[in-house]
Amino acid sequence: MPIEVKVPQIGESIQEGVIARWLKKNGDLVRRDEPLLELETEKATTELPAPATGILTISIPEGKTVRVGSTVANIEEKNIPAAPAKTEAPKHTSAVAKLEPAKPAVATAADGRQVPPLSPAARVMVQEKGIDPRELSPSGRGGVVMKEDVLAHHAEKPAPAVVLPSTGGPPTPERETRVRMTAVRKRIAERLLQSRQTTAALTTFNEADMSAVMELRAQFKEKFEKKYGVSLGFMGFFLKACMEAIRAYPVIQSRIDGEDIVTPHYFDFGVAVSTEKGLMVPVIRDCDHLSFADIEKRITDVAKRARDGKIRPDDLAGGTFTITNGGVFGSMMSTPILNPPQSAILGMHAIQKRPVVINDQIAIRPMMYLALTYDHRLIDGREAVLFLVRVKECIEKPERMLLEV
């Protein structure tokens, strides 16, 4: 009997997904636990592994929407010998050759030209726009063609001419394109609309002098990276600062549940990450139990997996408070939108040198505007303003925050 390849339950609220890409072809010999396809859901893209070893028969093509529990392929089991063990490189192999990174697998067309691997979003656009993938210049990690590469190539090419049928007038360029929204983008749109319609959102602002944090980073960044293998960024300081401020004003990470107010006594902070599929908010859990280095490692890990399409739905579930950094794109000031059912979100912005008054003297300091959007149904202006003041104090005196005094 063939073994059915079914869409598993990959999240409590996820009921369907789109087959973004088959990683194997119809009739291929596949091994158990080998990735078969990429399934794009409303939250993330997930690789589904082969449940058995044998010959693959695909029943649902790429681009189709499938429900959880539905069968997308079958595998006719075959007993094949195990893959040969890797042999050690000859002793005369040079150190340079050993360290040379493996090149991504690429397909070869009939004319001998290589076809680079495509990300799921890029593959969809290539098919819709009729672009030869061999003409694209990959910019992704490992030589993968990203969505941006397809857009750049499409913009460089002249739009197809449209000849007017009756007047014989000059050709006119294509004036618009139409692309179906991805499952992730549809979910983002739904949640943003839900946030606007179900909360009484209000934003308060403050600014922080980043001098102390920047001096601390400059002094210890190299040693920190050498010891822990991760860069010392700004986000870790703000996670620590927000924990200190929430300890003083716990209502900031409370939420409304029916007629009840629920206040978590743990710190599961969401960190907004921009990806080619849209904004994702993976959660760093139990931040209060993590060292500063562990926080930076978790942030780096989830951000990389989100951008590489390896984020899991469980990584996006829950969360008590969210931090977003529009400053990486140059934003000076914004009003971030709440991430329901959370009641507050902190927005970081670009650091700019500005004149400020210190001890009655004008000085130039690297300043950052901070924005706290909060649900006014639950959080009063007093708590919101004092929370933001506490964050500012922690950032301007990070030694006090790190020593917890």
Protein backbone atom coordinates (compact mmCIF):
# COMPACT_ATOMS: atom_id res chain seq x y z
CA MET A 1 0.00 0.00 0.00
CA PRO A 2 1.33 3.47 -0.87
CA ILE A 3 2.10 5.76 2.04
CA GLU A 4 0.05 8.98 1.94
CA VAL A 5 1.76 12.35 2.37
CA LYS A 6 -0.71 14.42 4.40
CA VAL A 7 -0.71 18.05 5.47
CA PRO A 8 -0.07 17.91 9.23
CA GLN A 9 -1.50 20.11 11.96
CA ILE A 10 1.23 22.77 12.25
CA GLY A 11 -0.48 25.29 14.49
CA GLU A 12 -3.62 25.55 16.60
CA SER A 13 -5.30 28.17 14.43
CA ILE A 14 -3.95 27.05 11.02
CA GLN A 15 -6.44 25.12 8.89
CA GLU A 16 -4.98 25.42 5.40
CA GLY A 17 -1.92 26.40 3.41
CA VAL A 18 -0.56 26.82 -0.11
CA ILE A 19 1.95 24.46 -1.72
CA ALA A 20 4.63 27.04 -2.46
CA ARG A 21 7.19 24.66 -3.95
CA TRP A 22 7.80 20.96 -4.47
CA LEU A 23 11.40 20.18 -3.54
CA LYS A 24 11.18 16.82 -5.35
CA LYS A 25 9.80 15.87 -8.77
CA ASN A 26 7.10 13.37 -9.65
CA GLY A 27 8.71 9.93 -9.83
CA ASP A 28 11.74 10.86 -7.73
CA LEU A 29 13.22 8.44 -5.25
CA VAL A 30 12.93 10.08 -1.82
CA ARG A 31 14.26 9.04 1.57
CA ARG A 32 12.40 9.11 4.87
CA ASP A 33 12.53 12.53 6.64
CA GLU A 34 13.90 14.19 3.48
CA PRO A 35 12.16 17.57 2.78
CA LEU A 36 9.47 17.11 0.10
CA LEU A 37 7.73 20.48 -0.22
CA GLU A 38 7.37 23.97 1.20
CA LEU A 39 3.93 24.75 2.61
CA GLU A 40 3.08 28.44 3.00
CA THR A 41 0.55 29.15 5.74
CA GLU A 42 -0.85 32.38 7.10
CA LYS A 43 2.02 32.55 9.60
CA ALA A 44 5.11 30.98 8.05
CA THR A 45 6.58 28.69 5.40
CA THR A 46 7.18 25.13 6.63
CA GLU A 47 9.04 22.22 5.03
CA LEU A 48 7.15 18.90 5.09
CA PRO A 49 9.34 15.76 5.33
CA ALA A 50 8.84 12.42 3.58
CA PRO A 51 7.06 9.89 5.86
CA ALA A 52 8.75 6.94 4.13
CA THR A 53 11.42 5.93 1.62
CA GLY A 54 10.28 5.18 -1.92
CA ILE A 55 8.99 6.58 -5.22
CA LEU A 56 7.08 9.87 -5.02
CA THR A 57 3.79 10.45 -6.86
CA ILE A 58 2.55 14.05 -6.59
CA SER A 59 -1.22 14.57 -6.61
CA ILE A 60 -1.50 18.31 -5.82
CA PRO A 61 0.60 20.80 -7.87
CA GLU A 62 2.35 23.94 -6.71
CA GLY A 63 0.19 26.99 -6.04
CA LYS A 64 -2.86 25.03 -4.84
CA THR A 65 -4.51 25.61 -1.46
CA VAL A 66 -4.73 22.46 0.69
CA ARG A 67 -6.51 21.78 3.98
CA VAL A 68 -4.90 20.28 7.07
CA GLY A 69 -5.21 16.47 6.82
CA SER A 70 -5.53 16.37 3.03
CA THR A 71 -3.32 14.09 0.91
CA VAL A 72 -0.91 15.86 -1.43
CA ALA A 73 1.18 12.90 -2.62
CA ASN A 74 1.85 9.20 -2.24
CA ILE A 75 5.07 7.26 -1.72
CA GLU A 76 5.44 3.69 -3.02
CA GLU A 77 7.77 2.18 -0.43
CA LYS A 78 11.07 0.77 -1.66
CA ASN A 79 13.85 -0.92 0.24
CA ILE A 80 17.04 0.82 -0.81
CA PRO A 81 20.48 0.68 0.75
CA ALA A 82 21.40 3.41 3.18
CA ALA A 83 23.25 6.41 1.82
CA PRO A 84 27.03 5.84 1.90
CA ALA A 85 28.80 7.36 4.84
CA LYS A 86 30.84 10.47 4.20
CA THR A 87 34.53 9.80 3.81
CA GLU A 88 37.22 12.00 5.23
CA ALA A 89 38.98 14.32 2.87
CA PRO A 90 42.47 13.17 1.78
CA LYS A 91 45.20 14.34 4.08
CA HIS A 92 46.78 16.30 1.28
CA THR A 93 43.61 18.41 0.84
CA SER A 94 44.45 22.04 1.47
CA ALA A 95 42.96 23.99 4.37
CA VAL A 96 41.43 26.43 1.90
CA ALA A 97 39.54 23.66 0.13
CA LYS A 98 38.17 22.34 3.43
CA LEU A 99 36.83 25.73 4.39
CA GLU A 100 35.27 26.49 1.02
CA PRO A 101 31.47 26.66 1.47
CA ALA A 102 29.28 24.20 -0.40
CA LYS A 103 27.66 25.68 -3.47
CA PRO A 104 23.87 25.46 -3.84
CA ALA A 105 22.47 22.77 -6.06
CA VAL A 106 21.37 24.19 -9.39
CA ALA A 107 19.48 22.68 -12.27
CA THR A 108 20.89 22.64 -15.79
CA ALA A 109 18.75 23.46 -18.83
CA ALA A 110 18.96 21.72 -22.18
CA ASP A 111 21.21 24.46 -23.54
CA GLY A 112 23.69 23.92 -20.73
CA ARG A 113 22.85 27.13 -18.83
CA GLN A 114 22.35 26.73 -15.08
CA VAL A 115 19.02 27.55 -13.42
CA PRO A 116 19.55 29.08 -9.94
CA PRO A 117 17.39 27.95 -7.00
CA LEU A 118 14.37 30.17 -6.31
CA SER A 119 12.74 31.23 -3.04
CA PRO A 120 8.98 30.37 -2.85
CA ALA A 121 7.93 33.99 -3.51
CA ALA A 122 10.38 34.32 -6.38
CA ARG A 123 9.16 31.07 -7.96
CA VAL A 124 5.55 32.30 -7.97
CA MET A 125 6.52 35.63 -9.56
CA VAL A 126 8.70 33.95 -12.19
CA GLN A 127 5.76 31.76 -13.24
CA GLU A 128 3.26 34.64 -13.26
CA LYS A 129 5.49 37.03 -15.21
CA GLY A 130 6.88 34.41 -17.59
CA ILE A 131 10.50 35.25 -16.73
CA ASP A 132 13.36 32.89 -17.61
CA PRO A 133 15.02 32.24 -14.20
CA ARG A 134 18.38 31.85 -15.95
CA GLU A 135 18.34 35.59 -16.64
CA LEU A 136 18.10 36.48 -12.93
CA SER A 137 20.96 37.54 -10.67
CA PRO A 138 20.58 35.89 -7.23
CA SER A 139 21.24 37.94 -4.10
CA GLY A 140 20.03 35.50 -1.44
CA ARG A 141 22.19 33.44 0.85
CA GLY A 142 23.70 30.47 -1.01
CA GLY A 143 22.92 31.87 -4.45
CA VAL A 144 19.11 31.75 -4.08
CA VAL A 145 17.00 34.09 -6.23
CA MET A 146 14.81 36.28 -3.98
CA LYS A 147 11.59 38.15 -4.71
CA GLU A 148 13.53 41.43 -4.89
CA ASP A 149 15.75 39.98 -7.65
CA VAL A 150 12.69 39.20 -9.78
CA LEU A 151 11.22 42.66 -9.18
CA ALA A 152 14.52 44.33 -10.09
CA HIS A 153 14.83 42.28 -13.27
CA HIS A 154 11.23 42.99 -14.23
CA ALA A 155 11.76 46.72 -13.70
CA GLU A 156 14.87 46.74 -15.89
CA LYS A 157 13.16 45.03 -18.82
CA PRO A 158 10.99 47.19 -21.06
CA ALA A 159 7.32 46.53 -20.60
CA PRO A 160 5.66 44.57 -23.41
CA ALA A 161 4.18 46.73 -26.13
CA VAL A 162 0.43 46.80 -26.58
CA VAL A 163 -0.69 47.64 -30.13
CA LEU A 164 -3.97 49.50 -30.36
CA PRO A 165 -6.22 47.34 -32.58
CA SER A 166 -8.10 49.94 -34.55
CA THR A 167 -6.20 53.23 -34.55
CA GLY A 168 -2.76 51.85 -35.31
CA GLY A 169 -1.37 54.28 -32.73
CA PRO A 170 1.95 53.95 -30.92
CA PRO A 171 2.43 51.08 -28.44
CA THR A 172 1.64 51.82 -24.80
CA PRO A 173 3.40 50.25 -21.83
CA GLU A 174 1.70 47.94 -19.39
CA ARG A 175 0.11 50.21 -16.78
CA GLU A 176 -0.40 47.77 -13.90
CA THR A 177 0.19 44.20 -12.79
CA ARG A 178 -1.94 41.91 -10.68
CA VAL A 179 -0.46 39.36 -8.24
CA ARG A 180 -2.47 37.22 -5.82
CA MET A 181 -1.82 37.97 -2.15
CA THR A 182 0.15 35.33 -0.28
CA ALA A 183 -1.38 33.59 2.74
CA VAL A 184 1.01 35.49 5.01
CA ARG A 185 0.14 38.88 3.51
CA LYS A 186 -3.61 38.15 3.78
CA ARG A 187 -3.17 37.27 7.44
CA ILE A 188 -1.17 40.44 8.08
CA ALA A 189 -3.94 42.50 6.47
CA GLU A 190 -6.61 40.78 8.56
CA ARG A 191 -4.73 41.31 11.83
CA LEU A 192 -4.00 44.97 11.12
CA LEU A 193 -7.66 45.61 10.34
CA GLN A 194 -8.69 43.67 13.45
CA SER A 195 -6.32 45.80 15.55
CA ARG A 196 -7.82 49.05 14.23
CA GLN A 197 -11.41 47.90 14.72
CA THR A 198 -11.16 46.28 18.17
CA THR A 199 -8.81 48.52 20.17
CA ALA A 200 -8.80 52.13 21.36
CA ALA A 201 -5.22 52.76 20.26
CA LEU A 202 -3.32 55.84 21.37
CA THR A 203 0.40 56.67 20.98
CA THR A 204 2.67 58.59 23.34
CA PHE A 205 6.24 59.70 22.52
CA ASN A 206 9.53 60.38 24.25
CA GLU A 207 13.18 60.49 23.25
CA ALA A 208 16.32 58.84 24.61
CA ASP A 209 19.94 59.91 24.56
CA MET A 210 21.77 56.88 23.12
CA SER A 211 25.26 58.08 24.12
CA ALA A 212 25.77 55.66 27.02
CA VAL A 213 24.55 52.59 25.12
CA MET A 214 26.64 53.48 22.08
CA GLU A 215 29.75 53.98 24.23
CA LEU A 216 29.13 50.65 25.96
CA ARG A 217 28.74 48.90 22.62
CA ALA A 218 31.88 50.52 21.22
CA GLN A 219 33.86 49.45 24.27
CA PHE A 220 32.74 45.82 24.48
CA LYS A 221 31.33 44.91 21.04
CA GLU A 222 34.44 43.12 19.79
CA LYS A 223 35.01 41.20 23.04
CA PHE A 224 31.31 40.34 23.27
CA GLU A 225 31.20 38.92 19.74
CA LYS A 226 34.43 36.99 20.26
CA LYS A 227 33.19 35.40 23.49
CA TYR A 228 29.56 34.69 22.58
CA GLY A 229 29.69 34.44 18.78
CA VAL A 230 26.94 37.02 18.26
CA SER A 231 26.91 40.75 17.57
CA LEU A 232 26.02 43.20 20.33
CA GLY A 233 23.02 45.12 19.00
CA PHE A 234 20.57 47.70 20.34
CA MET A 235 17.53 45.42 20.62
CA GLY A 236 18.89 43.53 23.64
CA PHE A 237 19.18 46.79 25.60
CA PHE A 238 15.57 47.69 24.79
CA LEU A 239 14.29 44.23 25.77
CA LYS A 240 16.04 44.64 29.13
CA ALA A 241 14.72 48.19 29.51
CA CYS A 242 11.14 47.13 28.73
CA MET A 243 11.33 44.30 31.28
CA GLU A 244 12.41 46.78 33.96
CA ALA A 245 9.63 49.20 33.00
CA ILE A 246 6.96 46.47 32.95
CA ARG A 247 8.02 45.32 36.41
CA ALA A 248 7.13 48.84 37.56
CA TYR A 249 3.95 49.06 35.41
CA PRO A 250 2.70 45.49 34.76
CA VAL A 251 -0.53 46.68 33.16
CA ILE A 252 1.52 47.45 30.02
CA GLN A 253 1.61 43.74 29.14
CA SER A 254 -1.85 42.91 30.47
CA ARG A 255 -4.63 42.03 28.04
CA ILE A 256 -8.42 42.09 27.94
CA ASP A 257 -10.15 38.70 27.76
CA GLY A 258 -13.90 39.17 27.67
CA GLU A 259 -14.72 40.97 30.92
CA ASP A 260 -11.43 39.95 32.57
CA ILE A 261 -8.00 41.54 32.70
CA VAL A 262 -5.19 38.98 32.36
CA THR A 263 -1.72 39.98 33.60
CA PRO A 264 1.17 37.61 32.73
CA HIS A 265 3.97 37.23 35.26
CA TYR A 266 6.44 36.18 32.58
CA PHE A 267 8.10 38.05 29.73
CA ASP A 268 7.50 36.64 26.23
CA PHE A 269 8.51 39.53 23.99
CA GLY A 270 7.78 39.68 20.27
CA VAL A 271 10.45 41.20 18.03
CA ALA A 272 9.21 42.47 14.66
CA VAL A 273 11.28 41.19 11.71
CA SER A 274 10.90 42.39 8.12
CA THR A 275 11.00 39.55 5.56
CA GLU A 276 10.26 39.24 1.86
CA LYS A 277 6.86 37.77 2.81
CA GLY A 278 5.99 40.67 5.11
CA LEU A 279 6.40 41.58 8.77
CA MET A 280 6.71 38.67 11.18
CA VAL A 281 6.86 38.83 14.98
CA PRO A 282 8.71 35.82 16.42
CA VAL A 283 8.60 35.58 20.20
CA ILE A 284 11.59 35.49 22.57
CA ARG A 285 10.24 33.48 25.51
CA ASP A 286 11.04 33.92 29.20
CA CYS A 287 13.30 36.91 28.60
CA ASP A 288 13.73 37.41 32.34
CA HIS A 289 15.47 34.00 32.58
CA LEU A 290 17.97 34.80 29.83
CA SER A 291 21.36 36.45 30.10
CA PHE A 292 22.10 39.45 27.91
CA ALA A 293 24.14 37.22 25.58
CA ASP A 294 21.31 34.64 25.39
CA ILE A 295 18.84 37.39 24.47
CA GLU A 296 21.08 38.55 21.61
CA LYS A 297 21.51 34.95 20.43
CA ARG A 298 17.73 34.36 20.42
CA ILE A 299 17.09 37.60 18.55
CA THR A 300 19.72 36.74 15.92
CA ASP A 301 18.39 33.19 15.56
CA VAL A 302 14.70 34.02 15.07
CA ALA A 303 15.49 36.95 12.75
CA LYS A 304 17.65 34.74 10.53
CA ARG A 305 15.10 31.92 10.43
CA ALA A 306 12.30 34.38 9.64
CA ARG A 307 14.22 35.86 6.70
CA ASP A 308 15.29 32.41 5.46
CA GLY A 309 11.69 31.13 5.55
CA LYS A 310 12.52 28.64 8.32
CA ILE A 311 10.39 30.14 11.07
CA ARG A 312 7.91 27.77 12.74
CA PRO A 313 4.29 28.68 13.55
CA ASP A 314 4.99 28.03 17.25
CA ASP A 315 7.68 30.75 17.10
CA LEU A 316 4.98 33.30 16.28
CA ALA A 317 2.39 32.19 18.84
CA GLY A 318 1.69 34.04 22.08
CA GLY A 319 3.73 37.01 23.17
CA THR A 320 2.99 39.53 25.92
CA PHE A 321 4.58 42.67 24.44
CA THR A 322 6.15 43.65 21.09
CA ILE A 323 9.11 45.80 20.06
CA THR A 324 9.54 47.02 16.49
CA ASN A 325 12.49 48.94 15.07
CA GLY A 326 11.60 51.12 12.11
CA GLY A 327 14.89 52.90 12.59
CA VAL A 328 16.74 50.25 10.59
CA PHE A 329 14.93 51.64 7.52
CA GLY A 330 15.53 55.28 8.46
CA SER A 331 12.18 56.02 10.11
CA MET A 332 12.36 59.09 12.35
CA MET A 333 8.93 58.72 13.97
CA SER A 334 5.91 56.45 13.59
CA THR A 335 2.85 55.15 15.43
CA PRO A 336 3.17 51.34 15.53
CA ILE A 337 -0.01 49.27 15.36
CA LEU A 338 -0.95 46.97 18.23
CA ASN A 339 -0.40 43.23 17.88
CA PRO A 340 -3.67 41.74 19.30
CA PRO A 341 -4.39 40.55 21.92
CA GLN A 342 -1.44 42.50 23.32
CA SER A 343 -2.18 45.92 24.74
CA ALA A 344 1.07 47.78 23.94
CA ILE A 345 3.92 47.95 21.44
CA LEU A 346 7.16 49.95 21.55
CA GLY A 347 8.51 51.57 18.40
CA MET A 348 12.24 52.33 18.07
CA HIS A 349 13.48 54.79 15.45
CA ALA A 350 16.60 56.05 13.73
CA ILE A 351 19.41 57.51 15.82
CA GLN A 352 20.18 61.09 14.79
CA LYS A 353 22.55 63.64 16.25
CA ARG A 354 20.54 66.62 17.51
CA PRO A 355 21.20 69.65 19.73
CA VAL A 356 19.84 69.12 23.25
CA VAL A 357 20.11 71.10 26.48
CA ILE A 358 22.22 69.42 29.19
CA ASN A 359 22.95 71.32 32.43
CA ASP A 360 21.82 74.54 30.74
CA GLN A 361 24.31 73.98 27.94
CA ILE A 362 23.58 73.05 24.33
CA ALA A 363 25.25 69.78 23.35
CA ILE A 364 25.08 67.44 20.36
CA ARG A 365 23.82 63.98 21.29
CA PRO A 366 22.72 60.86 19.37
CA MET A 367 18.98 60.86 20.03
CA MET A 368 16.24 58.33 19.30
CA TYR A 369 12.50 58.98 19.34
CA LEU A 370 10.51 56.28 21.17
CA ALA A 371 6.80 55.62 20.56
CA LEU A 372 4.47 53.55 22.72
CA THR A 373 1.12 52.64 21.20
CA TYR A 374 -1.28 51.30 23.83
CA ASP A 375 -4.91 50.21 24.20
CA HIS A 376 -6.57 53.04 26.11
CA ARG A 377 -9.40 50.73 27.20
CA LEU A 378 -6.96 49.12 29.62
CA ILE A 379 -3.93 51.40 29.96
CA ASP A 380 -4.28 54.99 31.15
CA GLY A 381 -2.08 57.77 29.88
CA ARG A 382 -0.28 57.99 33.23
CA GLU A 383 0.98 54.40 33.07
CA ALA A 384 1.92 54.73 29.39
CA VAL A 385 3.92 57.92 29.92
CA LEU A 386 5.66 56.64 33.07
CA PHE A 387 6.51 53.36 31.35
CA LEU A 388 8.17 55.23 28.50
CA VAL A 389 10.03 57.49 30.96
CA ARG A 390 11.36 54.37 32.72
CA VAL A 391 12.55 52.92 29.40
CA LYS A 392 14.30 56.21 28.64
CA GLU A 393 16.02 56.16 32.06
CA CYS A 394 17.22 52.59 31.56
CA ILE A 395 18.65 53.35 28.12
CA GLU A 396 20.37 56.52 29.27
CA LYS A 397 21.89 54.71 32.29
CA PRO A 398 22.34 51.12 31.08
CA GLU A 399 24.71 50.22 33.92
CA ARG A 400 21.88 50.68 36.39
CA MET A 401 19.60 48.49 34.29
CA LEU A 402 22.18 45.73 33.85
CA LEU A 403 22.99 45.74 37.57
CA GLU A 404 19.24 45.81 38.39
CA VAL A 405 19.57 48.66 40.88
